[in-house]
């Protein structure tokens, strides 16, 4: 059985149900196995099973043939003020 995401966990992947054609590509391409889609069932929508494990890589977004997926970055990631040298661990 698929685990239910915790309600207080930020969900970075938004799927527009009106645009989604339930093709399974997002499930297949996700390197973190964050998205779950019942295979060969066009009646079920993809589910973001593990939102807190998303790598924000955007593969699901770029692979979606109908642009039904949007990646939403959390505010702390957008407003990050850490310089690149420190982020890369090059501080001496």
PDB file of N, CA and C in Angstrom:
ATOM      1  N   UNK A   1       0.835  -1.188   0.000  1.00  0.00           N
ATOM      2  CA  UNK A   1       0.000   0.000   0.000  1.00  0.00           C
ATOM      3  C   UNK A   1       0.877   1.249   0.000  1.00  0.00           C
ATOM      4  N   UNK A   2       0.480   2.243  -0.751  1.00  0.00           N
ATOM      5  CA  UNK A   2       1.230   3.480  -0.891  1.00  0.00           C
ATOM      6  C   UNK A   2       1.092   4.337   0.369  1.00  0.00           C
ATOM      7  N   UNK A   3       2.211   4.822   0.931  1.00  0.00           N
ATOM      8  CA  UNK A   3       2.119   5.678   2.126  1.00  0.00           C
ATOM      9  C   UNK A   3       1.476   7.017   1.788  1.00  0.00           C
ATOM     10  N   UNK A   4       0.772   7.558   2.743  1.00  0.00           N
ATOM     11  CA  UNK A   4       0.148   8.867   2.576  1.00  0.00           C
ATOM     12  C   UNK A   4       1.119   9.937   3.067  1.00  0.00           C
ATOM     13  N   UNK A   5       1.368  10.978   2.249  1.00  0.00           N
ATOM     14  CA  UNK A   5       2.278  12.041   2.687  1.00  0.00           C
ATOM     15  C   UNK A   5       1.728  12.764   3.918  1.00  0.00           C
ATOM     16  N   UNK A   6       2.633  13.215   4.754  1.00  0.00           N
ATOM     17  CA  UNK A   6       2.235  13.976   5.934  1.00  0.00           C
ATOM     18  C   UNK A   6       1.702  15.329   5.486  1.00  0.00           C
ATOM     19  N   UNK A   7       0.632  15.815   6.121  1.00  0.00           N
ATOM     20  CA  UNK A   7       0.045  17.084   5.681  1.00  0.00           C
ATOM     21  C   UNK A   7       0.958  18.287   5.892  1.00  0.00           C
ATOM     22  N   UNK A   8       1.920  18.212   6.812  1.00  0.00           N
ATOM     23  CA  UNK A   8       2.791  19.353   7.087  1.00  0.00           C
ATOM     24  C   UNK A   8       4.065  19.351   6.237  1.00  0.00           C
ATOM     25  N   UNK A   9       4.222  18.367   5.354  1.00  0.00           N
ATOM     26  CA  UNK A   9       5.395  18.284   4.489  1.00  0.00           C
ATOM     27  C   UNK A   9       5.137  19.084   3.219  1.00  0.00           C
ATOM     28  N   UNK A  10       6.101  19.927   2.862  1.00  0.00           N
ATOM     29  CA  UNK A  10       5.995  20.740   1.648  1.00  0.00           C
ATOM     30  C   UNK A  10       5.980  19.833   0.426  1.00  0.00           C
ATOM     31  N   UNK A  11       5.020  20.021  -0.456  1.00  0.00           N
ATOM     32  CA  UNK A  11       4.918  19.227  -1.677  1.00  0.00           C
ATOM     33  C   UNK A  11       5.446  20.057  -2.841  1.00  0.00           C
ATOM     34  N   UNK A  12       6.641  19.713  -3.353  1.00  0.00           N
ATOM     35  CA  UNK A  12       7.254  20.518  -4.405  1.00  0.00           C
ATOM     36  C   UNK A  12       6.725  20.247  -5.811  1.00  0.00           C
ATOM     37  N   UNK A  13       5.960  19.174  -5.977  1.00  0.00           N
ATOM     38  CA  UNK A  13       5.507  18.795  -7.312  1.00  0.00           C
ATOM     39  C   UNK A  13       4.002  18.997  -7.418  1.00  0.00           C
ATOM     40  N   UNK A  14       3.605  19.874  -8.339  1.00  0.00           N
ATOM     41  CA  UNK A  14       2.174  20.117  -8.571  1.00  0.00           C
ATOM     42  C   UNK A  14       1.801  19.513  -9.914  1.00  0.00           C
ATOM     43  N   UNK A  15       0.734  18.725  -9.919  1.00  0.00           N
ATOM     44  CA  UNK A  15       0.249  18.106 -11.146  1.00  0.00           C
ATOM     45  C   UNK A  15      -1.143  18.640 -11.445  1.00  0.00           C
ATOM     46  N   UNK A  16      -1.292  19.254 -12.595  1.00  0.00           N
ATOM     47  CA  UNK A  16      -2.577  19.788 -13.033  1.00  0.00           C
ATOM     48  C   UNK A  16      -3.417  18.630 -13.573  1.00  0.00           C
ATOM     49  N   UNK A  17      -4.447  18.279 -12.845  1.00  0.00           N
ATOM     50  CA  UNK A  17      -5.294  17.141 -13.215  1.00  0.00           C
ATOM     51  C   UNK A  17      -6.004  17.352 -14.549  1.00  0.00           C
ATOM     52  N   UNK A  18      -6.197  18.603 -14.936  1.00  0.00           N
ATOM     53  CA  UNK A  18      -6.869  18.888 -16.210  1.00  0.00           C
ATOM     54  C   UNK A  18      -5.948  18.629 -17.402  1.00  0.00           C
ATOM     55  N   UNK A  19      -4.641  18.764 -17.190  1.00  0.00           N
ATOM     56  CA  UNK A  19      -3.680  18.571 -18.275  1.00  0.00           C
ATOM     57  C   UNK A  19      -3.057  17.176 -18.295  1.00  0.00           C
ATOM     58  N   UNK A  20      -3.024  16.510 -17.153  1.00  0.00           N
ATOM     59  CA  UNK A  20      -2.372  15.208 -17.039  1.00  0.00           C
ATOM     60  C   UNK A  20      -3.110  14.150 -17.865  1.00  0.00           C
ATOM     61  N   UNK A  21      -2.329  13.392 -18.649  1.00  0.00           N
ATOM     62  CA  UNK A  21      -2.923  12.322 -19.458  1.00  0.00           C
ATOM     63  C   UNK A  21      -2.594  10.939 -18.872  1.00  0.00           C
ATOM     64  N   UNK A  22      -2.065  10.913 -17.655  1.00  0.00           N
ATOM     65  CA  UNK A  22      -1.779   9.665 -16.931  1.00  0.00           C
ATOM     66  C   UNK A  22      -0.892   8.723 -17.727  1.00  0.00           C
ATOM     67  N   UNK A  23       0.187   9.254 -18.280  1.00  0.00           N
ATOM     68  CA  UNK A  23       1.055   8.486 -19.182  1.00  0.00           C
ATOM     69  C   UNK A  23       2.146   7.689 -18.469  1.00  0.00           C
ATOM     70  N   UNK A  24       2.361   7.920 -17.190  1.00  0.00           N
ATOM     71  CA  UNK A  24       3.375   7.233 -16.379  1.00  0.00           C
ATOM     72  C   UNK A  24       4.802   7.753 -16.560  1.00  0.00           C
ATOM     73  N   UNK A  25       5.039   8.698 -17.460  1.00  0.00           N
ATOM     74  CA  UNK A  25       6.403   9.168 -17.691  1.00  0.00           C
ATOM     75  C   UNK A  25       7.037   9.779 -16.445  1.00  0.00           C
ATOM     76  N   UNK A  26       6.273  10.532 -15.678  1.00  0.00           N
ATOM     77  CA  UNK A  26       6.828  11.168 -14.475  1.00  0.00           C
ATOM     78  C   UNK A  26       7.277  10.115 -13.458  1.00  0.00           C
ATOM     79  N   UNK A  27       6.502   9.065 -13.320  1.00  0.00           N
ATOM     80  CA  UNK A  27       6.861   7.973 -12.419  1.00  0.00           C
ATOM     81  C   UNK A  27       8.137   7.286 -12.897  1.00  0.00           C
ATOM     82  N   UNK A  28       8.234   7.020 -14.178  1.00  0.00           N
ATOM     83  CA  UNK A  28       9.392   6.321 -14.725  1.00  0.00           C
ATOM     84  C   UNK A  28      10.673   7.147 -14.635  1.00  0.00           C
ATOM     85  N   UNK A  29      10.574   8.464 -14.829  1.00  0.00           N
ATOM     86  CA  UNK A  29      11.771   9.307 -14.927  1.00  0.00           C
ATOM     87  C   UNK A  29      12.289   9.800 -13.572  1.00  0.00           C
ATOM     88  N   UNK A  30      11.468   9.823 -12.554  1.00  0.00           N
ATOM     89  CA  UNK A  30      11.859  10.387 -11.255  1.00  0.00           C
ATOM     90  C   UNK A  30      12.990   9.573 -10.626  1.00  0.00           C
ATOM     91  N   UNK A  31      14.202  10.160 -10.463  1.00  0.00           N
ATOM     92  CA  UNK A  31      15.338   9.416  -9.919  1.00  0.00           C
ATOM     93  C   UNK A  31      15.194   9.099  -8.432  1.00  0.00           C
ATOM     94  N   UNK A  32      14.352   9.844  -7.732  1.00  0.00           N
ATOM     95  CA  UNK A  32      14.176   9.618  -6.304  1.00  0.00           C
ATOM     96  C   UNK A  32      12.968   8.752  -5.990  1.00  0.00           C
ATOM     97  N   UNK A  33      12.275   8.297  -7.008  1.00  0.00           N
ATOM     98  CA  UNK A  33      11.070   7.480  -6.844  1.00  0.00           C
ATOM     99  C   UNK A  33      10.033   8.196  -5.968  1.00  0.00           C
ATOM    100  N   UNK A  34       9.955   9.510  -6.147  1.00  0.00           N
ATOM    101  CA  UNK A  34       9.045  10.349  -5.373  1.00  0.00           C
ATOM    102  C   UNK A  34       7.608  10.227  -5.882  1.00  0.00           C
ATOM    103  N   UNK A  35       7.470  10.047  -7.193  1.00  0.00           N
ATOM    104  CA  UNK A  35       6.150   9.995  -7.818  1.00  0.00           C
ATOM    105  C   UNK A  35       5.742   8.537  -8.023  1.00  0.00           C
ATOM    106  N   UNK A  36       4.490   8.242  -7.691  1.00  0.00           N
ATOM    107  CA  UNK A  36       3.959   6.895  -7.903  1.00  0.00           C
ATOM    108  C   UNK A  36       2.757   6.982  -8.826  1.00  0.00           C
ATOM    109  N   UNK A  37       2.739   6.127  -9.824  1.00  0.00           N
ATOM    110  CA  UNK A  37       1.598   6.053 -10.746  1.00  0.00           C
ATOM    111  C   UNK A  37       1.302   4.589 -10.988  1.00  0.00           C
ATOM    112  N   UNK A  38       0.063   4.204 -10.770  1.00  0.00           N
ATOM    113  CA  UNK A  38      -0.339   2.826 -11.031  1.00  0.00           C
ATOM    114  C   UNK A  38      -0.143   2.552 -12.518  1.00  0.00           C
ATOM    115  N   UNK A  39       0.727   1.608 -12.822  1.00  0.00           N
ATOM    116  CA  UNK A  39       1.115   1.334 -14.198  1.00  0.00           C
ATOM    117  C   UNK A  39      -0.049   0.792 -15.031  1.00  0.00           C
ATOM    118  N   UNK A  40      -0.104   1.240 -16.270  1.00  0.00           N
ATOM    119  CA  UNK A  40      -1.108   0.782 -17.239  1.00  0.00           C
ATOM    120  C   UNK A  40      -2.552   1.034 -16.804  1.00  0.00           C
ATOM    121  N   UNK A  41      -2.751   2.044 -15.977  1.00  0.00           N
ATOM    122  CA  UNK A  41      -4.108   2.399 -15.570  1.00  0.00           C
ATOM    123  C   UNK A  41      -4.321   3.879 -15.865  1.00  0.00           C
ATOM    124  N   UNK A  42      -5.010   4.164 -16.940  1.00  0.00           N
ATOM    125  CA  UNK A  42      -5.247   5.559 -17.358  1.00  0.00           C
ATOM    126  C   UNK A  42      -6.299   6.258 -16.496  1.00  0.00           C
ATOM    127  N   UNK A  43      -6.883   5.539 -15.569  1.00  0.00           N
ATOM    128  CA  UNK A  43      -7.919   6.120 -14.701  1.00  0.00           C
ATOM    129  C   UNK A  43      -7.343   6.758 -13.441  1.00  0.00           C
ATOM    130  N   UNK A  44      -6.101   6.420 -13.084  1.00  0.00           N
ATOM    131  CA  UNK A  44      -5.523   6.942 -11.845  1.00  0.00           C
ATOM    132  C   UNK A  44      -4.482   8.024 -12.127  1.00  0.00           C
ATOM    133  N   UNK A  45      -4.498   9.031 -11.294  1.00  0.00           N
ATOM    134  CA  UNK A  45      -3.536  10.134 -11.385  1.00  0.00           C
ATOM    135  C   UNK A  45      -2.234   9.748 -10.679  1.00  0.00           C
ATOM    136  N   UNK A  46      -1.121  10.346 -11.080  1.00  0.00           N
ATOM    137  CA  UNK A  46       0.125  10.142 -10.335  1.00  0.00           C
ATOM    138  C   UNK A  46      -0.016  10.732  -8.929  1.00  0.00           C
ATOM    139  N   UNK A  47       0.672  10.130  -7.992  1.00  0.00           N
ATOM    140  CA  UNK A  47       0.640  10.563  -6.599  1.00  0.00           C
ATOM    141  C   UNK A  47       2.058  10.947  -6.185  1.00  0.00           C
ATOM    142  N   UNK A  48       2.176  12.049  -5.474  1.00  0.00           N
ATOM    143  CA  UNK A  48       3.479  12.446  -4.935  1.00  0.00           C
ATOM    144  C   UNK A  48       3.612  11.706  -3.606  1.00  0.00           C
ATOM    145  N   UNK A  49       4.230  10.536  -3.659  1.00  0.00           N
ATOM    146  CA  UNK A  49       4.271   9.639  -2.508  1.00  0.00           C
ATOM    147  C   UNK A  49       5.259  10.076  -1.431  1.00  0.00           C
ATOM    148  N   UNK A  50       6.367  10.657  -1.840  1.00  0.00           N
ATOM    149  CA  UNK A  50       7.420  11.042  -0.893  1.00  0.00           C
ATOM    150  C   UNK A  50       7.882  12.471  -1.179  1.00  0.00           C
ATOM    151  N   UNK A  51       7.048  13.476  -0.924  1.00  0.00           N
ATOM    152  CA  UNK A  51       7.394  14.858  -1.271  1.00  0.00           C
ATOM    153  C   UNK A  51       8.649  15.379  -0.580  1.00  0.00           C
ATOM    154  N   UNK A  52       8.919  14.891   0.623  1.00  0.00           N
ATOM    155  CA  UNK A  52      10.101  15.379   1.346  1.00  0.00           C
ATOM    156  C   UNK A  52      11.401  14.795   0.806  1.00  0.00           C
ATOM    157  N   UNK A  53      11.331  13.874  -0.147  1.00  0.00           N
ATOM    158  CA  UNK A  53      12.524  13.292  -0.748  1.00  0.00           C
ATOM    159  C   UNK A  53      12.807  13.830  -2.153  1.00  0.00           C
ATOM    160  N   UNK A  54      12.034  14.815  -2.593  1.00  0.00           N
ATOM    161  CA  UNK A  54      12.220  15.390  -3.924  1.00  0.00           C
ATOM    162  C   UNK A  54      13.579  16.094  -4.005  1.00  0.00           C
ATOM    163  N   UNK A  55      14.285  15.878  -5.123  1.00  0.00           N
ATOM    164  CA  UNK A  55      15.596  16.487  -5.346  1.00  0.00           C
ATOM    165  C   UNK A  55      15.484  17.806  -6.105  1.00  0.00           C
ATOM    166  N   UNK A  56      14.284  18.195  -6.510  1.00  0.00           N
ATOM    167  CA  UNK A  56      14.057  19.421  -7.287  1.00  0.00           C
ATOM    168  C   UNK A  56      14.837  19.401  -8.599  1.00  0.00           C
ATOM    169  N   UNK A  57      15.030  18.227  -9.158  1.00  0.00           N
ATOM    170  CA  UNK A  57      15.824  18.115 -10.392  1.00  0.00           C
ATOM    171  C   UNK A  57      15.035  18.575 -11.617  1.00  0.00           C
ATOM    172  N   UNK A  58      13.714  18.486 -11.581  1.00  0.00           N
ATOM    173  CA  UNK A  58      12.887  18.951 -12.685  1.00  0.00           C
ATOM    174  C   UNK A  58      12.706  17.961 -13.819  1.00  0.00           C
ATOM    175  N   UNK A  59      13.190  16.733 -13.656  1.00  0.00           N
ATOM    176  CA  UNK A  59      13.032  15.749 -14.729  1.00  0.00           C
ATOM    177  C   UNK A  59      11.564  15.454 -15.016  1.00  0.00           C
ATOM    178  N   UNK A  60      10.752  15.366 -13.987  1.00  0.00           N
ATOM    179  CA  UNK A  60       9.323  15.102 -14.205  1.00  0.00           C
ATOM    180  C   UNK A  60       8.688  16.242 -14.997  1.00  0.00           C
ATOM    181  N   UNK A  61       9.034  17.454 -14.640  1.00  0.00           N
ATOM    182  CA  UNK A  61       8.517  18.647 -15.312  1.00  0.00           C
ATOM    183  C   UNK A  61       8.939  18.682 -16.785  1.00  0.00           C
ATOM    184  N   UNK A  62      10.217  18.430 -17.031  1.00  0.00           N
ATOM    185  CA  UNK A  62      10.721  18.515 -18.407  1.00  0.00           C
ATOM    186  C   UNK A  62      10.281  17.339 -19.276  1.00  0.00           C
ATOM    187  N   UNK A  63       9.918  16.228 -18.676  1.00  0.00           N
ATOM    188  CA  UNK A  63       9.495  15.038 -19.423  1.00  0.00           C
ATOM    189  C   UNK A  63       8.005  15.035 -19.736  1.00  0.00           C
ATOM    190  N   UNK A  64       7.225  15.735 -18.951  1.00  0.00           N
ATOM    191  CA  UNK A  64       5.766  15.719 -19.113  1.00  0.00           C
ATOM    192  C   UNK A  64       5.366  16.250 -20.501  1.00  0.00           C
ATOM    193  N   UNK A  65       4.673  15.433 -21.304  1.00  0.00           N
ATOM    194  CA  UNK A  65       4.322  15.857 -22.662  1.00  0.00           C
ATOM    195  C   UNK A  65       3.223  16.917 -22.731  1.00  0.00           C
ATOM    196  N   UNK A  66       2.509  17.122 -21.630  1.00  0.00           N
ATOM    197  CA  UNK A  66       1.409  18.094 -21.652  1.00  0.00           C
ATOM    198  C   UNK A  66       1.649  19.289 -20.734  1.00  0.00           C
ATOM    199  N   UNK A  67       2.854  19.408 -20.182  1.00  0.00           N
ATOM    200  CA  UNK A  67       3.196  20.490 -19.238  1.00  0.00           C
ATOM    201  C   UNK A  67       2.254  20.521 -18.041  1.00  0.00           C
ATOM    202  N   UNK A  68       1.874  19.346 -17.557  1.00  0.00           N
ATOM    203  CA  UNK A  68       0.963  19.244 -16.418  1.00  0.00           C
ATOM    204  C   UNK A  68       1.688  19.361 -15.083  1.00  0.00           C
ATOM    205  N   UNK A  69       3.020  19.280 -15.107  1.00  0.00           N
ATOM    206  CA  UNK A  69       3.797  19.285 -13.861  1.00  0.00           C
ATOM    207  C   UNK A  69       4.556  20.595 -13.699  1.00  0.00           C
ATOM    208  N   UNK A  70       4.514  21.101 -12.469  1.00  0.00           N
ATOM    209  CA  UNK A  70       5.259  22.301 -12.103  1.00  0.00           C
ATOM    210  C   UNK A  70       6.027  22.004 -10.827  1.00  0.00           C
ATOM    211  N   UNK A  71       7.292  22.399 -10.793  1.00  0.00           N
ATOM    212  CA  UNK A  71       8.104  22.267  -9.591  1.00  0.00           C
ATOM    213  C   UNK A  71       8.024  23.584  -8.828  1.00  0.00           C
ATOM    214  N   UNK A  72       7.688  23.496  -7.558  1.00  0.00           N
ATOM    215  CA  UNK A  72       7.577  24.673  -6.696  1.00  0.00           C
ATOM    216  C   UNK A  72       8.717  24.628  -5.676  1.00  0.00           C
ATOM    217  N   UNK A  73       9.570  25.629  -5.715  1.00  0.00           N
ATOM    218  CA  UNK A  73      10.678  25.696  -4.771  1.00  0.00           C
ATOM    219  C   UNK A  73      10.222  26.387  -3.489  1.00  0.00           C
ATOM    220  N   UNK A  74      10.600  25.859  -2.319  1.00  0.00           N
ATOM    221  CA  UNK A  74      10.225  26.495  -1.051  1.00  0.00           C
ATOM    222  C   UNK A  74      10.969  27.812  -0.867  1.00  0.00           C
ATOM    223  N   UNK A  75      10.377  28.684  -0.111  1.00  0.00           N
ATOM    224  CA  UNK A  75      10.926  30.023   0.109  1.00  0.00           C
ATOM    225  C   UNK A  75      12.383  30.002   0.605  1.00  0.00           C
ATOM    226  N   UNK A  76      12.753  29.128   1.551  1.00  0.00           N
ATOM    227  CA  UNK A  76      14.166  29.123   1.988  1.00  0.00           C
ATOM    228  C   UNK A  76      15.153  28.806   0.854  1.00  0.00           C
ATOM    229  N   UNK A  77      14.733  28.035  -0.126  1.00  0.00           N
ATOM    230  CA  UNK A  77      15.623  27.749  -1.257  1.00  0.00           C
ATOM    231  C   UNK A  77      15.731  28.960  -2.177  1.00  0.00           C
ATOM    232  N   UNK A  78      14.648  29.662  -2.369  1.00  0.00           N
ATOM    233  CA  UNK A  78      14.628  30.824  -3.253  1.00  0.00           C
ATOM    234  C   UNK A  78      15.390  31.987  -2.631  1.00  0.00           C
ATOM    235  N   UNK A  79      15.213  32.177  -1.332  1.00  0.00           N
ATOM    236  CA  UNK A  79      15.821  33.304  -0.631  1.00  0.00           C
ATOM    237  C   UNK A  79      17.201  32.988  -0.050  1.00  0.00           C
ATOM    238  N   UNK A  80      17.824  31.906  -0.457  1.00  0.00           N
ATOM    239  CA  UNK A  80      19.112  31.505   0.078  1.00  0.00           C
ATOM    240  C   UNK A  80      20.165  32.584  -0.202  1.00  0.00           C
ATOM    241  N   UNK A  81      20.856  33.016   0.840  1.00  0.00           N
ATOM    242  CA  UNK A  81      21.878  34.054   0.709  1.00  0.00           C
ATOM    243  C   UNK A  81      23.292  33.500   0.846  1.00  0.00           C
ATOM    244  N   UNK A  82      23.434  32.176   0.931  1.00  0.00           N
ATOM    245  CA  UNK A  82      24.747  31.554   1.067  1.00  0.00           C
ATOM    246  C   UNK A  82      25.509  31.670  -0.249  1.00  0.00           C
ATOM    247  N   UNK A  83      26.766  32.088  -0.165  1.00  0.00           N
ATOM    248  CA  UNK A  83      27.548  32.242  -1.390  1.00  0.00           C
ATOM    249  C   UNK A  83      27.934  30.867  -1.949  1.00  0.00           C
ATOM    250  N   UNK A  84      28.204  30.817  -3.234  1.00  0.00           N
ATOM    251  CA  UNK A  84      28.473  29.572  -3.940  1.00  0.00           C
ATOM    252  C   UNK A  84      29.691  28.847  -3.369  1.00  0.00           C
ATOM    253  N   UNK A  85      30.729  29.575  -3.006  1.00  0.00           N
ATOM    254  CA  UNK A  85      31.941  28.958  -2.467  1.00  0.00           C
ATOM    255  C   UNK A  85      31.606  28.163  -1.208  1.00  0.00           C
ATOM    256  N   UNK A  86      30.810  28.733  -0.321  1.00  0.00           N
ATOM    257  CA  UNK A  86      30.422  28.035   0.914  1.00  0.00           C
ATOM    258  C   UNK A  86      29.519  26.849   0.601  1.00  0.00           C
ATOM    259  N   UNK A  87      28.596  27.008  -0.355  1.00  0.00           N
ATOM    260  CA  UNK A  87      27.709  25.900  -0.723  1.00  0.00           C
ATOM    261  C   UNK A  87      28.485  24.713  -1.269  1.00  0.00           C
ATOM    262  N   UNK A  88      29.565  24.973  -1.983  1.00  0.00           N
ATOM    263  CA  UNK A  88      30.373  23.902  -2.559  1.00  0.00           C
ATOM    264  C   UNK A  88      31.389  23.333  -1.567  1.00  0.00           C
ATOM    265  N   UNK A  89      31.425  23.873  -0.362  1.00  0.00           N
ATOM    266  CA  UNK A  89      32.332  23.360   0.644  1.00  0.00           C
ATOM    267  C   UNK A  89      33.782  23.745   0.427  1.00  0.00           C
ATOM    268  N   UNK A  90      34.027  24.857  -0.249  1.00  0.00           N
ATOM    269  CA  UNK A  90      35.387  25.283  -0.573  1.00  0.00           C
ATOM    270  C   UNK A  90      35.943  26.276   0.449  1.00  0.00           C
ATOM    271  N   UNK A  91      35.298  26.387   1.589  1.00  0.00           N
ATOM    272  CA  UNK A  91      35.737  27.325   2.601  1.00  0.00           C
ATOM    273  C   UNK A  91      36.980  26.768   3.291  1.00  0.00           C
ATOM    274  N   UNK A  92      38.005  27.598   3.403  1.00  0.00           N
ATOM    275  CA  UNK A  92      39.260  27.136   4.042  1.00  0.00           C
ATOM    276  C   UNK A  92      39.379  27.658   5.438  1.00  0.00           C
TER     277      UNK A  92
END
